[in-house]
Amino acid sequence: MSISLFIDIEVAPDVASDPLLAATLAEVCPVDIYAQRADGTLLVVEPNLDECVLCRLCIDATPPGAVRIRKLYDDGAVL
């Protein structure tokens, strides 16, 4: 369960477990929503979720449908 008020992010399990894609997500996000664990897998930094600026860089950096950003303030509409 997310601790954010405005944004929730879903990442496909195969992307979250891929160290290269996890590193890419951590690199492209301007507000540090993504980080890598010591084993290379993706960590979504939940306290930073509401910092999302809806830039779509994470969506564009991964295969189609791999990252979904839901706007909780808009009845869960997907970006």
PDB file of N, CA and C in Angstrom:
ATOM      1  N   MET A   1       0.836  -1.185   0.000  1.00  0.00           N
ATOM      2  CA  MET A   1       0.000   0.000   0.000  1.00  0.00           C
ATOM      3  C   MET A   1       0.878   1.243   0.000  1.00  0.00           C
ATOM      4  N   SER A   2       0.529   2.162  -0.852  1.00  0.00           N
ATOM      5  CA  SER A   2       1.289   3.390  -1.010  1.00  0.00           C
ATOM      6  C   SER A   2       1.018   4.360   0.144  1.00  0.00           C
ATOM      7  N   ILE A   3       2.035   5.140   0.482  1.00  0.00           N
ATOM      8  CA  ILE A   3       1.867   6.160   1.514  1.00  0.00           C
ATOM      9  C   ILE A   3       1.642   7.537   0.899  1.00  0.00           C
ATOM     10  N   SER A   4       1.546   7.594  -0.413  1.00  0.00           N
ATOM     11  CA  SER A   4       1.386   8.875  -1.082  1.00  0.00           C
ATOM     12  C   SER A   4      -0.077   9.287  -1.152  1.00  0.00           C
ATOM     13  N   LEU A   5      -0.300  10.564  -1.369  1.00  0.00           N
ATOM     14  CA  LEU A   5      -1.640  11.101  -1.488  1.00  0.00           C
ATOM     15  C   LEU A   5      -2.068  11.305  -2.929  1.00  0.00           C
ATOM     16  N   PHE A   6      -1.097  11.569  -3.810  1.00  0.00           N
ATOM     17  CA  PHE A   6      -1.431  11.995  -5.159  1.00  0.00           C
ATOM     18  C   PHE A   6      -1.059  11.004  -6.256  1.00  0.00           C
ATOM     19  N   ILE A   7       0.018  10.274  -6.068  1.00  0.00           N
ATOM     20  CA  ILE A   7       0.563   9.422  -7.127  1.00  0.00           C
ATOM     21  C   ILE A   7       0.840   8.022  -6.593  1.00  0.00           C
ATOM     22  N   ASP A   8       0.572   7.028  -7.433  1.00  0.00           N
ATOM     23  CA  ASP A   8       1.006   5.660  -7.155  1.00  0.00           C
ATOM     24  C   ASP A   8       1.696   5.157  -8.412  1.00  0.00           C
ATOM     25  N   ILE A   9       2.736   4.394  -8.238  1.00  0.00           N
ATOM     26  CA  ILE A   9       3.495   3.883  -9.374  1.00  0.00           C
ATOM     27  C   ILE A   9       3.542   2.372  -9.295  1.00  0.00           C
ATOM     28  N   GLU A  10       3.252   1.743 -10.421  1.00  0.00           N
ATOM     29  CA  GLU A  10       3.331   0.288 -10.540  1.00  0.00           C
ATOM     30  C   GLU A  10       4.405  -0.029 -11.568  1.00  0.00           C
ATOM     31  N   VAL A  11       5.315  -0.923 -11.188  1.00  0.00           N
ATOM     32  CA  VAL A  11       6.396  -1.343 -12.088  1.00  0.00           C
ATOM     33  C   VAL A  11       6.270  -2.840 -12.281  1.00  0.00           C
ATOM     34  N   ALA A  12       6.300  -3.281 -13.532  1.00  0.00           N
ATOM     35  CA  ALA A  12       6.194  -4.702 -13.835  1.00  0.00           C
ATOM     36  C   ALA A  12       7.317  -5.464 -13.131  1.00  0.00           C
ATOM     37  N   PRO A  13       7.008  -6.629 -12.571  1.00  0.00           N
ATOM     38  CA  PRO A  13       8.017  -7.407 -11.834  1.00  0.00           C
ATOM     39  C   PRO A  13       9.276  -7.717 -12.640  1.00  0.00           C
ATOM     40  N   ASP A  14       9.138  -7.987 -13.938  1.00  0.00           N
ATOM     41  CA  ASP A  14      10.327  -8.299 -14.740  1.00  0.00           C
ATOM     42  C   ASP A  14      11.225  -7.079 -14.910  1.00  0.00           C
ATOM     43  N   VAL A  15      10.661  -5.905 -14.910  1.00  0.00           N
ATOM     44  CA  VAL A  15      11.453  -4.674 -14.981  1.00  0.00           C
ATOM     45  C   VAL A  15      12.090  -4.394 -13.625  1.00  0.00           C
ATOM     46  N   ALA A  16      11.336  -4.549 -12.571  1.00  0.00           N
ATOM     47  CA  ALA A  16      11.860  -4.295 -11.226  1.00  0.00           C
ATOM     48  C   ALA A  16      13.008  -5.230 -10.856  1.00  0.00           C
ATOM     49  N   SER A  17      13.027  -6.405 -11.442  1.00  0.00           N
ATOM     50  CA  SER A  17      14.084  -7.367 -11.115  1.00  0.00           C
ATOM     51  C   SER A  17      15.278  -7.291 -12.071  1.00  0.00           C
ATOM     52  N   ASP A  18      15.207  -6.465 -13.083  1.00  0.00           N
ATOM     53  CA  ASP A  18      16.283  -6.317 -14.073  1.00  0.00           C
ATOM     54  C   ASP A  18      17.227  -5.196 -13.633  1.00  0.00           C
ATOM     55  N   PRO A  19      18.459  -5.516 -13.257  1.00  0.00           N
ATOM     56  CA  PRO A  19      19.383  -4.490 -12.757  1.00  0.00           C
ATOM     57  C   PRO A  19      19.639  -3.352 -13.750  1.00  0.00           C
ATOM     58  N   LEU A  20      19.673  -3.657 -15.041  1.00  0.00           N
ATOM     59  CA  LEU A  20      19.927  -2.609 -16.029  1.00  0.00           C
ATOM     60  C   LEU A  20      18.749  -1.640 -16.106  1.00  0.00           C
ATOM     61  N   LEU A  21      17.536  -2.169 -16.145  1.00  0.00           N
ATOM     62  CA  LEU A  21      16.365  -1.298 -16.184  1.00  0.00           C
ATOM     63  C   LEU A  21      16.187  -0.552 -14.860  1.00  0.00           C
ATOM     64  N   ALA A  22      16.500  -1.200 -13.750  1.00  0.00           N
ATOM     65  CA  ALA A  22      16.424  -0.526 -12.451  1.00  0.00           C
ATOM     66  C   ALA A  22      17.392   0.651 -12.408  1.00  0.00           C
ATOM     67  N   ALA A  23      18.581   0.454 -12.917  1.00  0.00           N
ATOM     68  CA  ALA A  23      19.574   1.533 -12.957  1.00  0.00           C
ATOM     69  C   ALA A  23      19.106   2.664 -13.867  1.00  0.00           C
ATOM     70  N   THR A  24      18.488   2.316 -14.976  1.00  0.00           N
ATOM     71  CA  THR A  24      17.976   3.327 -15.901  1.00  0.00           C
ATOM     72  C   THR A  24      16.888   4.167 -15.237  1.00  0.00           C
ATOM     73  N   LEU A  25      15.966   3.503 -14.550  1.00  0.00           N
ATOM     74  CA  LEU A  25      14.904   4.246 -13.867  1.00  0.00           C
ATOM     75  C   LEU A  25      15.475   5.176 -12.805  1.00  0.00           C
ATOM     76  N   ALA A  26      16.435   4.689 -12.038  1.00  0.00           N
ATOM     77  CA  ALA A  26      17.051   5.517 -10.999  1.00  0.00           C
ATOM     78  C   ALA A  26      17.760   6.721 -11.617  1.00  0.00           C
ATOM     79  N   GLU A  27      18.324   6.529 -12.791  1.00  0.00           N
ATOM     80  CA  GLU A  27      19.061   7.602 -13.446  1.00  0.00           C
ATOM     81  C   GLU A  27      18.145   8.660 -14.057  1.00  0.00           C
ATOM     82  N   VAL A  28      17.046   8.252 -14.672  1.00  0.00           N
ATOM     83  CA  VAL A  28      16.222   9.210 -15.404  1.00  0.00           C
ATOM     84  C   VAL A  28      15.264  10.012 -14.528  1.00  0.00           C
ATOM     85  N   CYS A  29      14.930   9.528 -13.354  1.00  0.00           N
ATOM     86  CA  CYS A  29      13.925  10.204 -12.530  1.00  0.00           C
ATOM     87  C   CYS A  29      14.510  11.471 -11.887  1.00  0.00           C
ATOM     88  N   PRO A  30      13.941  12.623 -12.197  1.00  0.00           N
ATOM     89  CA  PRO A  30      14.485  13.869 -11.649  1.00  0.00           C
ATOM     90  C   PRO A  30      14.165  14.100 -10.166  1.00  0.00           C
ATOM     91  N   VAL A  31      13.268  13.303  -9.595  1.00  0.00           N
ATOM     92  CA  VAL A  31      12.890  13.513  -8.197  1.00  0.00           C
ATOM     93  C   VAL A  31      13.163  12.279  -7.332  1.00  0.00           C
ATOM     94  N   ASP A  32      14.019  11.398  -7.810  1.00  0.00           N
ATOM     95  CA  ASP A  32      14.514  10.254  -7.026  1.00  0.00           C
ATOM     96  C   ASP A  32      13.425   9.332  -6.487  1.00  0.00           C
ATOM     97  N   ILE A  33      12.460   9.017  -7.330  1.00  0.00           N
ATOM     98  CA  ILE A  33      11.425   8.057  -6.945  1.00  0.00           C
ATOM     99  C   ILE A  33      11.980   6.633  -7.005  1.00  0.00           C
ATOM    100  N   TYR A  34      12.967   6.416  -7.862  1.00  0.00           N
ATOM    101  CA  TYR A  34      13.532   5.085  -8.044  1.00  0.00           C
ATOM    102  C   TYR A  34      14.961   5.039  -7.524  1.00  0.00           C
ATOM    103  N   ALA A  35      15.305   3.897  -6.954  1.00  0.00           N
ATOM    104  CA  ALA A  35      16.672   3.632  -6.495  1.00  0.00           C
ATOM    105  C   ALA A  35      16.933   2.145  -6.715  1.00  0.00           C
ATOM    106  N   GLN A  36      18.177   1.749  -6.522  1.00  0.00           N
ATOM    107  CA  GLN A  36      18.535   0.332  -6.637  1.00  0.00           C
ATOM    108  C   GLN A  36      18.928  -0.216  -5.283  1.00  0.00           C
ATOM    109  N   ARG A  37      18.434  -1.415  -5.022  1.00  0.00           N
ATOM    110  CA  ARG A  37      18.870  -2.134  -3.823  1.00  0.00           C
ATOM    111  C   ARG A  37      20.272  -2.669  -4.069  1.00  0.00           C
ATOM    112  N   ALA A  38      20.897  -3.175  -3.024  1.00  0.00           N
ATOM    113  CA  ALA A  38      22.247  -3.726  -3.126  1.00  0.00           C
ATOM    114  C   ALA A  38      22.330  -4.871  -4.132  1.00  0.00           C
ATOM    115  N   ASP A  39      21.232  -5.613  -4.304  1.00  0.00           N
ATOM    116  CA  ASP A  39      21.242  -6.730  -5.259  1.00  0.00           C
ATOM    117  C   ASP A  39      20.920  -6.292  -6.687  1.00  0.00           C
ATOM    118  N   GLY A  40      20.743  -4.980  -6.909  1.00  0.00           N
ATOM    119  CA  GLY A  40      20.500  -4.452  -8.248  1.00  0.00           C
ATOM    120  C   GLY A  40      19.036  -4.305  -8.612  1.00  0.00           C
ATOM    121  N   THR A  41      18.141  -4.843  -7.803  1.00  0.00           N
ATOM    122  CA  THR A  41      16.722  -4.737  -8.114  1.00  0.00           C
ATOM    123  C   THR A  41      16.207  -3.333  -7.790  1.00  0.00           C
ATOM    124  N   LEU A  42      15.047  -3.038  -8.321  1.00  0.00           N
ATOM    125  CA  LEU A  42      14.461  -1.708  -8.183  1.00  0.00           C
ATOM    126  C   LEU A  42      13.825  -1.502  -6.812  1.00  0.00           C
ATOM    127  N   LEU A  43      14.019  -0.324  -6.287  1.00  0.00           N
ATOM    128  CA  LEU A  43      13.349   0.110  -5.069  1.00  0.00           C
ATOM    129  C   LEU A  43      12.558   1.365  -5.428  1.00  0.00           C
ATOM    130  N   VAL A  44      11.260   1.350  -5.179  1.00  0.00           N
ATOM    131  CA  VAL A  44      10.440   2.549  -5.334  1.00  0.00           C
ATOM    132  C   VAL A  44      10.478   3.261  -3.988  1.00  0.00           C
ATOM    133  N   VAL A  45      10.986   4.477  -3.995  1.00  0.00           N
ATOM    134  CA  VAL A  45      11.153   5.262  -2.769  1.00  0.00           C
ATOM    135  C   VAL A  45       9.815   5.946  -2.477  1.00  0.00           C
ATOM    136  N   GLU A  46       8.995   5.280  -1.689  1.00  0.00           N
ATOM    137  CA  GLU A  46       7.622   5.734  -1.472  1.00  0.00           C
ATOM    138  C   GLU A  46       7.502   7.148  -0.909  1.00  0.00           C
ATOM    139  N   PRO A  47       8.369   7.592  -0.002  1.00  0.00           N
ATOM    140  CA  PRO A  47       8.227   8.978   0.479  1.00  0.00           C
ATOM    141  C   PRO A  47       8.381  10.026  -0.638  1.00  0.00           C
ATOM    142  N   ASN A  48       8.957   9.632  -1.768  1.00  0.00           N
ATOM    143  CA  ASN A  48       9.163  10.574  -2.872  1.00  0.00           C
ATOM    144  C   ASN A  48       8.060  10.525  -3.924  1.00  0.00           C
ATOM    145  N   LEU A  49       7.100   9.627  -3.783  1.00  0.00           N
ATOM    146  CA  LEU A  49       6.080   9.467  -4.823  1.00  0.00           C
ATOM    147  C   LEU A  49       5.343  10.767  -5.131  1.00  0.00           C
ATOM    148  N   ASP A  50       4.981  11.507  -4.129  1.00  0.00           N
ATOM    149  CA  ASP A  50       4.223  12.729  -4.363  1.00  0.00           C
ATOM    150  C   ASP A  50       5.076  13.858  -4.939  1.00  0.00           C
ATOM    151  N   GLU A  51       6.357  13.618  -5.120  1.00  0.00           N
ATOM    152  CA  GLU A  51       7.228  14.586  -5.790  1.00  0.00           C
ATOM    153  C   GLU A  51       7.172  14.425  -7.310  1.00  0.00           C
ATOM    154  N   CYS A  52       6.510  13.388  -7.776  1.00  0.00           N
ATOM    155  CA  CYS A  52       6.433  13.102  -9.209  1.00  0.00           C
ATOM    156  C   CYS A  52       5.918  14.320  -9.970  1.00  0.00           C
ATOM    157  N   VAL A  53       6.620  14.689 -11.043  1.00  0.00           N
ATOM    158  CA  VAL A  53       6.243  15.840 -11.864  1.00  0.00           C
ATOM    159  C   VAL A  53       5.578  15.402 -13.170  1.00  0.00           C
ATOM    160  N   LEU A  54       5.246  14.115 -13.260  1.00  0.00           N
ATOM    161  CA  LEU A  54       4.557  13.566 -14.430  1.00  0.00           C
ATOM    162  C   LEU A  54       5.326  13.805 -15.723  1.00  0.00           C
ATOM    163  N   CYS A  55       6.640  13.688 -15.658  1.00  0.00           N
ATOM    164  CA  CYS A  55       7.492  13.957 -16.814  1.00  0.00           C
ATOM    165  C   CYS A  55       7.528  12.816 -17.831  1.00  0.00           C
ATOM    166  N   ARG A  56       7.090  11.630 -17.423  1.00  0.00           N
ATOM    167  CA  ARG A  56       7.023  10.450 -18.291  1.00  0.00           C
ATOM    168  C   ARG A  56       8.399   9.852 -18.632  1.00  0.00           C
ATOM    169  N   LEU A  57       9.474  10.343 -18.052  1.00  0.00           N
ATOM    170  CA  LEU A  57      10.795   9.809 -18.378  1.00  0.00           C
ATOM    171  C   LEU A  57      10.899   8.329 -18.018  1.00  0.00           C
ATOM    172  N   CYS A  58      10.293   7.914 -16.913  1.00  0.00           N
ATOM    173  CA  CYS A  58      10.341   6.500 -16.525  1.00  0.00           C
ATOM    174  C   CYS A  58       9.523   5.640 -17.486  1.00  0.00           C
ATOM    175  N   ILE A  59       8.415   6.167 -17.951  1.00  0.00           N
ATOM    176  CA  ILE A  59       7.581   5.438 -18.908  1.00  0.00           C
ATOM    177  C   ILE A  59       8.325   5.278 -20.229  1.00  0.00           C
ATOM    178  N   ASP A  60       8.969   6.341 -20.678  1.00  0.00           N
ATOM    179  CA  ASP A  60       9.683   6.314 -21.946  1.00  0.00           C
ATOM    180  C   ASP A  60      10.952   5.468 -21.906  1.00  0.00           C
ATOM    181  N   ALA A  61      11.520   5.258 -20.706  1.00  0.00           N
ATOM    182  CA  ALA A  61      12.783   4.524 -20.568  1.00  0.00           C
ATOM    183  C   ALA A  61      12.603   3.020 -20.427  1.00  0.00           C
ATOM    184  N   THR A  62      11.364   2.562 -20.390  1.00  0.00           N
ATOM    185  CA  THR A  62      11.093   1.141 -20.174  1.00  0.00           C
ATOM    186  C   THR A  62      10.167   0.620 -21.271  1.00  0.00           C
ATOM    187  N   PRO A  63      10.068  -0.709 -21.399  1.00  0.00           N
ATOM    188  CA  PRO A  63       9.160  -1.269 -22.413  1.00  0.00           C
ATOM    189  C   PRO A  63       7.719  -0.793 -22.180  1.00  0.00           C
ATOM    190  N   PRO A  64       6.941  -0.717 -23.243  1.00  0.00           N
ATOM    191  CA  PRO A  64       5.546  -0.261 -23.122  1.00  0.00           C
ATOM    192  C   PRO A  64       4.771  -1.034 -22.051  1.00  0.00           C
ATOM    193  N   GLY A  65       4.097  -0.283 -21.198  1.00  0.00           N
ATOM    194  CA  GLY A  65       3.270  -0.878 -20.157  1.00  0.00           C
ATOM    195  C   GLY A  65       4.018  -1.327 -18.917  1.00  0.00           C
ATOM    196  N   ALA A  66       5.337  -1.168 -18.889  1.00  0.00           N
ATOM    197  CA  ALA A  66       6.141  -1.648 -17.762  1.00  0.00           C
ATOM    198  C   ALA A  66       6.015  -0.764 -16.530  1.00  0.00           C
ATOM    199  N   VAL A  67       5.805   0.528 -16.737  1.00  0.00           N
ATOM    200  CA  VAL A  67       5.633   1.472 -15.632  1.00  0.00           C
ATOM    201  C   VAL A  67       4.290   2.158 -15.822  1.00  0.00           C
ATOM    202  N   ARG A  68       3.502   2.127 -14.766  1.00  0.00           N
ATOM    203  CA  ARG A  68       2.196   2.804 -14.797  1.00  0.00           C
ATOM    204  C   ARG A  68       2.146   3.807 -13.657  1.00  0.00           C
ATOM    205  N   ILE A  69       1.837   5.029 -14.000  1.00  0.00           N
ATOM    206  CA  ILE A  69       1.683   6.086 -13.002  1.00  0.00           C
ATOM    207  C   ILE A  69       0.195   6.364 -12.882  1.00  0.00           C
ATOM    208  N   ARG A  70      -0.302   6.169 -11.669  1.00  0.00           N
ATOM    209  CA  ARG A  70      -1.728   6.415 -11.416  1.00  0.00           C
ATOM    210  C   ARG A  70      -1.886   7.700 -10.619  1.00  0.00           C
ATOM    211  N   LYS A  71      -2.782   8.554 -11.098  1.00  0.00           N
ATOM    212  CA  LYS A  71      -3.084   9.817 -10.412  1.00  0.00           C
ATOM    213  C   LYS A  71      -4.217   9.561  -9.429  1.00  0.00           C
ATOM    214  N   LEU A  72      -3.880   9.437  -8.164  1.00  0.00           N
ATOM    215  CA  LEU A  72      -4.852   9.130  -7.130  1.00  0.00           C
ATOM    216  C   LEU A  72      -5.889  10.245  -6.968  1.00  0.00           C
ATOM    217  N   TYR A  73      -5.506  11.464  -7.298  1.00  0.00           N
ATOM    218  CA  TYR A  73      -6.415  12.604  -7.198  1.00  0.00           C
ATOM    219  C   TYR A  73      -7.415  12.660  -8.347  1.00  0.00           C
ATOM    220  N   ASP A  74      -7.223  11.777  -9.338  1.00  0.00           N
ATOM    221  CA  ASP A  74      -8.067  11.755 -10.529  1.00  0.00           C
ATOM    222  C   ASP A  74      -8.698  10.375 -10.681  1.00  0.00           C
ATOM    223  N   ASP A  75      -9.212   9.848  -9.562  1.00  0.00           N
ATOM    224  CA  ASP A  75      -9.859   8.538  -9.535  1.00  0.00           C
ATOM    225  C   ASP A  75      -8.974   7.413 -10.073  1.00  0.00           C
ATOM    226  N   GLY A  76      -7.650   7.545  -9.882  1.00  0.00           N
ATOM    227  CA  GLY A  76      -6.731   6.489 -10.299  1.00  0.00           C
ATOM    228  C   GLY A  76      -6.415   6.472 -11.779  1.00  0.00           C
ATOM    229  N   ALA A  77      -6.693   7.575 -12.472  1.00  0.00           N
ATOM    230  CA  ALA A  77      -6.407   7.651 -13.915  1.00  0.00           C
ATOM    231  C   ALA A  77      -4.931   7.378 -14.164  1.00  0.00           C
ATOM    232  N   VAL A  78      -4.667   6.605 -15.211  1.00  0.00           N
ATOM    233  CA  VAL A  78      -3.290   6.260 -15.566  1.00  0.00           C
ATOM    234  C   VAL A  78      -2.735   7.309 -16.502  1.00  0.00           C
ATOM    235  N   LEU A  79      -1.515   7.749 -16.222  1.00  0.00           N
ATOM    236  CA  LEU A  79      -0.842   8.737 -17.062  1.00  0.00           C
ATOM    237  C   LEU A  79      -0.480   8.122 -18.383  1.00  0.00           C
TER     238      LEU A  79
END
